Amino acid sequence: MAKSKVVVPEAREALDRFKMEAASEVGVNLKQGYNGDLTSKQAGSVGGQMVNLMMPEQQWKFQRINRNAYGHCTHITLSMVAGL
């Protein structure tokens, strides 16, 4: 994780624990300190998992009949961010 400015210095340890937890959930082996041997895909999956845990989003998918052509369906995806 790049060293970024943390507004609350005491939060650094909690953020590092959170990063390690997210990495283990996606199967990336992180070590303390520099992780320059990770691929971009692995590093991105850790960051993506952290975002998913902080901001859960649910998706519903449903079909509706296209009124313009018989037998055709239009796929609609509705995404909604869960309110906190």
N, C-alpha and C. Protein backbone atom coordinates (compact mmCIF):
# COMPACT_ATOMS: atom_id res chain seq x y z
N MET A 1 0.85 -1.17 0.00
CA MET A 1 0.00 0.00 0.00
C MET A 1 0.89 1.22 0.00
N ALA A 2 0.63 2.13 -0.90
CA ALA A 2 1.41 3.36 -0.97
C ALA A 2 1.21 4.14 0.32
N LYS A 3 2.28 4.74 0.77
CA LYS A 3 2.18 5.54 1.99
C LYS A 3 1.42 6.82 1.68
N SER A 4 0.21 6.88 2.14
CA SER A 4 -0.61 8.06 1.93
C SER A 4 -0.80 8.75 3.26
N LYS A 5 -1.20 10.00 3.19
CA LYS A 5 -1.41 10.76 4.42
C LYS A 5 -2.69 10.28 5.10
N VAL A 6 -2.55 9.87 6.32
CA VAL A 6 -3.69 9.44 7.11
C VAL A 6 -4.05 10.59 8.04
N VAL A 7 -5.30 11.00 7.99
CA VAL A 7 -5.74 12.13 8.80
C VAL A 7 -5.61 11.80 10.28
N VAL A 8 -5.93 10.56 10.65
CA VAL A 8 -5.81 10.12 12.04
C VAL A 8 -4.67 9.11 12.09
N PRO A 9 -3.50 9.53 12.58
CA PRO A 9 -2.33 8.63 12.56
C PRO A 9 -2.57 7.29 13.26
N GLU A 10 -3.42 7.26 14.27
CA GLU A 10 -3.70 6.02 14.98
C GLU A 10 -4.45 5.02 14.11
N ALA A 11 -5.00 5.49 13.00
CA ALA A 11 -5.77 4.62 12.11
C ALA A 11 -4.87 3.80 11.18
N ARG A 12 -3.60 4.09 11.09
CA ARG A 12 -2.69 3.38 10.18
C ARG A 12 -2.72 1.88 10.44
N GLU A 13 -2.62 1.48 11.71
CA GLU A 13 -2.60 0.05 12.04
C GLU A 13 -3.92 -0.62 11.65
N ALA A 14 -5.04 0.05 11.90
CA ALA A 14 -6.34 -0.51 11.53
C ALA A 14 -6.47 -0.64 10.02
N LEU A 15 -5.98 0.34 9.28
CA LEU A 15 -6.03 0.26 7.81
C LEU A 15 -5.16 -0.88 7.29
N ASP A 16 -4.01 -1.07 7.90
CA ASP A 16 -3.14 -2.18 7.48
C ASP A 16 -3.80 -3.53 7.77
N ARG A 17 -4.46 -3.67 8.92
CA ARG A 17 -5.17 -4.92 9.23
C ARG A 17 -6.30 -5.15 8.23
N PHE A 18 -7.02 -4.06 7.90
CA PHE A 18 -8.11 -4.15 6.94
C PHE A 18 -7.60 -4.58 5.57
N LYS A 19 -6.45 -4.04 5.16
CA LYS A 19 -5.84 -4.41 3.87
C LYS A 19 -5.45 -5.89 3.86
N MET A 20 -4.87 -6.38 4.96
CA MET A 20 -4.47 -7.78 5.04
C MET A 20 -5.69 -8.70 5.00
N GLU A 21 -6.76 -8.30 5.66
CA GLU A 21 -8.00 -9.09 5.66
C GLU A 21 -8.59 -9.15 4.24
N ALA A 22 -8.61 -8.02 3.55
CA ALA A 22 -9.14 -7.98 2.19
C ALA A 22 -8.27 -8.83 1.26
N ALA A 23 -6.95 -8.79 1.44
CA ALA A 23 -6.05 -9.58 0.61
C ALA A 23 -6.28 -11.07 0.82
N SER A 24 -6.48 -11.49 2.06
CA SER A 24 -6.69 -12.92 2.30
C SER A 24 -8.02 -13.38 1.71
N GLU A 25 -9.03 -12.49 1.67
CA GLU A 25 -10.33 -12.86 1.11
C GLU A 25 -10.26 -13.09 -0.40
N VAL A 26 -9.35 -12.39 -1.09
CA VAL A 26 -9.23 -12.57 -2.54
C VAL A 26 -8.06 -13.48 -2.91
N GLY A 27 -7.39 -14.04 -1.91
CA GLY A 27 -6.33 -15.02 -2.16
C GLY A 27 -4.99 -14.43 -2.56
N VAL A 28 -4.71 -13.21 -2.14
CA VAL A 28 -3.42 -12.57 -2.44
C VAL A 28 -2.56 -12.65 -1.18
N ASN A 29 -1.33 -13.12 -1.34
CA ASN A 29 -0.42 -13.28 -0.21
C ASN A 29 0.36 -11.98 -0.01
N LEU A 30 -0.07 -11.17 0.94
CA LEU A 30 0.63 -9.92 1.26
C LEU A 30 1.59 -10.15 2.41
N LYS A 31 2.64 -9.38 2.41
CA LYS A 31 3.56 -9.39 3.54
C LYS A 31 3.66 -7.97 4.07
N GLN A 32 4.16 -7.82 5.28
CA GLN A 32 4.33 -6.50 5.86
C GLN A 32 5.39 -5.75 5.06
N GLY A 33 5.16 -4.47 4.83
CA GLY A 33 6.14 -3.66 4.11
C GLY A 33 5.87 -3.65 2.61
N TYR A 34 6.94 -3.63 1.85
CA TYR A 34 6.87 -3.47 0.40
C TYR A 34 6.40 -4.76 -0.28
N ASN A 35 5.44 -4.62 -1.19
CA ASN A 35 4.90 -5.77 -1.94
C ASN A 35 5.05 -5.55 -3.44
N GLY A 36 6.24 -5.17 -3.86
CA GLY A 36 6.49 -4.86 -5.26
C GLY A 36 6.43 -6.06 -6.19
N ASP A 37 6.39 -7.26 -5.65
CA ASP A 37 6.33 -8.45 -6.49
C ASP A 37 4.91 -8.80 -6.92
N LEU A 38 3.91 -8.05 -6.46
CA LEU A 38 2.53 -8.30 -6.85
C LEU A 38 2.28 -7.81 -8.28
N THR A 39 1.41 -8.52 -8.96
CA THR A 39 0.99 -8.04 -10.28
C THR A 39 -0.04 -6.92 -10.09
N SER A 40 -0.27 -6.18 -11.15
CA SER A 40 -1.28 -5.12 -11.09
C SER A 40 -2.65 -5.71 -10.80
N LYS A 41 -2.93 -6.87 -11.36
CA LYS A 41 -4.21 -7.53 -11.13
C LYS A 41 -4.39 -7.88 -9.65
N GLN A 42 -3.35 -8.40 -9.03
CA GLN A 42 -3.43 -8.77 -7.62
C GLN A 42 -3.62 -7.52 -6.74
N ALA A 43 -2.82 -6.49 -7.00
CA ALA A 43 -2.93 -5.26 -6.21
C ALA A 43 -4.31 -4.63 -6.39
N GLY A 44 -4.81 -4.64 -7.63
CA GLY A 44 -6.13 -4.09 -7.89
C GLY A 44 -7.23 -4.87 -7.23
N SER A 45 -7.07 -6.19 -7.17
CA SER A 45 -8.10 -7.00 -6.52
C SER A 45 -8.17 -6.72 -5.03
N VAL A 46 -7.02 -6.44 -4.41
CA VAL A 46 -7.02 -6.10 -2.98
C VAL A 46 -7.73 -4.76 -2.77
N GLY A 47 -7.37 -3.76 -3.56
CA GLY A 47 -8.02 -2.46 -3.45
C GLY A 47 -9.50 -2.54 -3.75
N GLY A 48 -9.85 -3.31 -4.76
CA GLY A 48 -11.25 -3.47 -5.12
C GLY A 48 -12.04 -4.14 -4.01
N GLN A 49 -11.45 -5.13 -3.37
CA GLN A 49 -12.13 -5.80 -2.25
C GLN A 49 -12.32 -4.85 -1.08
N MET A 50 -11.34 -3.99 -0.85
CA MET A 50 -11.47 -3.01 0.24
C MET A 50 -12.64 -2.06 -0.04
N VAL A 51 -12.75 -1.62 -1.29
CA VAL A 51 -13.85 -0.74 -1.66
C VAL A 51 -15.18 -1.47 -1.53
N ASN A 52 -15.24 -2.71 -1.98
CA ASN A 52 -16.48 -3.48 -1.88
C ASN A 52 -16.92 -3.65 -0.43
N LEU A 53 -15.98 -3.81 0.47
CA LEU A 53 -16.33 -3.98 1.88
C LEU A 53 -16.76 -2.65 2.51
N MET A 54 -16.15 -1.55 2.06
CA MET A 54 -16.51 -0.25 2.61
C MET A 54 -17.81 0.29 2.04
N MET A 55 -18.09 -0.02 0.78
CA MET A 55 -19.26 0.51 0.09
C MET A 55 -19.98 -0.63 -0.60
N PRO A 56 -20.76 -1.40 0.13
CA PRO A 56 -21.43 -2.53 -0.52
C PRO A 56 -22.47 -2.06 -1.52
N GLU A 57 -22.52 -2.72 -2.63
CA GLU A 57 -23.48 -2.40 -3.68
C GLU A 57 -24.20 -3.68 -4.05
N GLN A 58 -25.49 -3.58 -4.26
CA GLN A 58 -26.25 -4.74 -4.66
C GLN A 58 -26.78 -4.52 -6.07
N GLN A 59 -26.86 -5.58 -6.81
CA GLN A 59 -27.39 -5.51 -8.15
C GLN A 59 -28.55 -6.47 -8.30
N TRP A 60 -29.56 -5.98 -8.94
CA TRP A 60 -30.69 -6.82 -9.32
C TRP A 60 -30.74 -6.86 -10.82
N LYS A 61 -30.95 -8.02 -11.39
CA LYS A 61 -31.08 -8.15 -12.83
C LYS A 61 -32.45 -8.75 -13.13
N PHE A 62 -33.11 -8.18 -14.08
CA PHE A 62 -34.40 -8.71 -14.48
C PHE A 62 -34.59 -8.49 -15.97
N GLN A 63 -35.54 -9.18 -16.54
CA GLN A 63 -35.82 -9.06 -17.96
C GLN A 63 -37.22 -8.49 -18.14
N ARG A 64 -37.37 -7.74 -19.21
CA ARG A 64 -38.70 -7.29 -19.58
C ARG A 64 -38.88 -7.53 -21.07
N ILE A 65 -40.07 -7.76 -21.49
CA ILE A 65 -40.34 -8.05 -22.89
C ILE A 65 -40.22 -6.76 -23.70
N ASN A 66 -39.49 -6.86 -24.81
CA ASN A 66 -39.34 -5.73 -25.71
C ASN A 66 -40.61 -5.62 -26.54
N ARG A 67 -41.29 -4.52 -26.44
CA ARG A 67 -42.57 -4.37 -27.12
C ARG A 67 -42.41 -4.11 -28.61
N ASN A 68 -41.19 -3.86 -29.05
CA ASN A 68 -40.97 -3.56 -30.47
C ASN A 68 -40.83 -4.80 -31.33
N ALA A 69 -40.37 -5.88 -30.78
CA ALA A 69 -40.16 -7.09 -31.56
C ALA A 69 -40.61 -8.30 -30.74
N TYR A 70 -41.44 -9.14 -31.31
CA TYR A 70 -41.96 -10.31 -30.64
C TYR A 70 -40.83 -11.30 -30.34
N GLY A 71 -40.79 -11.80 -29.16
CA GLY A 71 -39.81 -12.82 -28.79
C GLY A 71 -38.48 -12.28 -28.33
N HIS A 72 -38.32 -10.99 -28.28
CA HIS A 72 -37.04 -10.41 -27.85
C HIS A 72 -37.17 -9.92 -26.42
N CYS A 73 -36.11 -10.05 -25.68
CA CYS A 73 -36.09 -9.54 -24.31
C CYS A 73 -34.99 -8.48 -24.21
N THR A 74 -35.25 -7.49 -23.44
CA THR A 74 -34.26 -6.47 -23.16
C THR A 74 -33.73 -6.72 -21.76
N HIS A 75 -32.42 -6.82 -21.64
CA HIS A 75 -31.81 -7.06 -20.33
C HIS A 75 -31.56 -5.71 -19.66
N ILE A 76 -32.01 -5.60 -18.44
CA ILE A 76 -31.87 -4.36 -17.69
C ILE A 76 -31.15 -4.69 -16.40
N THR A 77 -30.14 -3.91 -16.08
CA THR A 77 -29.46 -4.06 -14.81
C THR A 77 -29.69 -2.81 -13.99
N LEU A 78 -30.18 -3.01 -12.80
CA LEU A 78 -30.44 -1.89 -11.89
C LEU A 78 -29.43 -1.99 -10.76
N SER A 79 -28.66 -0.96 -10.59
CA SER A 79 -27.68 -0.94 -9.50
C SER A 79 -28.09 0.13 -8.50
N MET A 80 -27.98 -0.22 -7.25
CA MET A 80 -28.36 0.72 -6.21
C MET A 80 -27.37 0.60 -5.07
N VAL A 81 -26.85 1.71 -4.63
CA VAL A 81 -25.92 1.69 -3.51
C VAL A 81 -26.73 1.64 -2.23
N ALA A 82 -26.36 0.73 -1.37
CA ALA A 82 -27.07 0.58 -0.11
C ALA A 82 -26.82 1.79 0.76
N GLY A 83 -27.87 2.32 1.33
CA GLY A 83 -27.75 3.49 2.19
C GLY A 83 -27.13 3.13 3.53
N LEU A 84 -26.34 4.02 4.03
CA LEU A 84 -25.69 3.77 5.32
C LEU A 84 -26.32 4.62 6.39
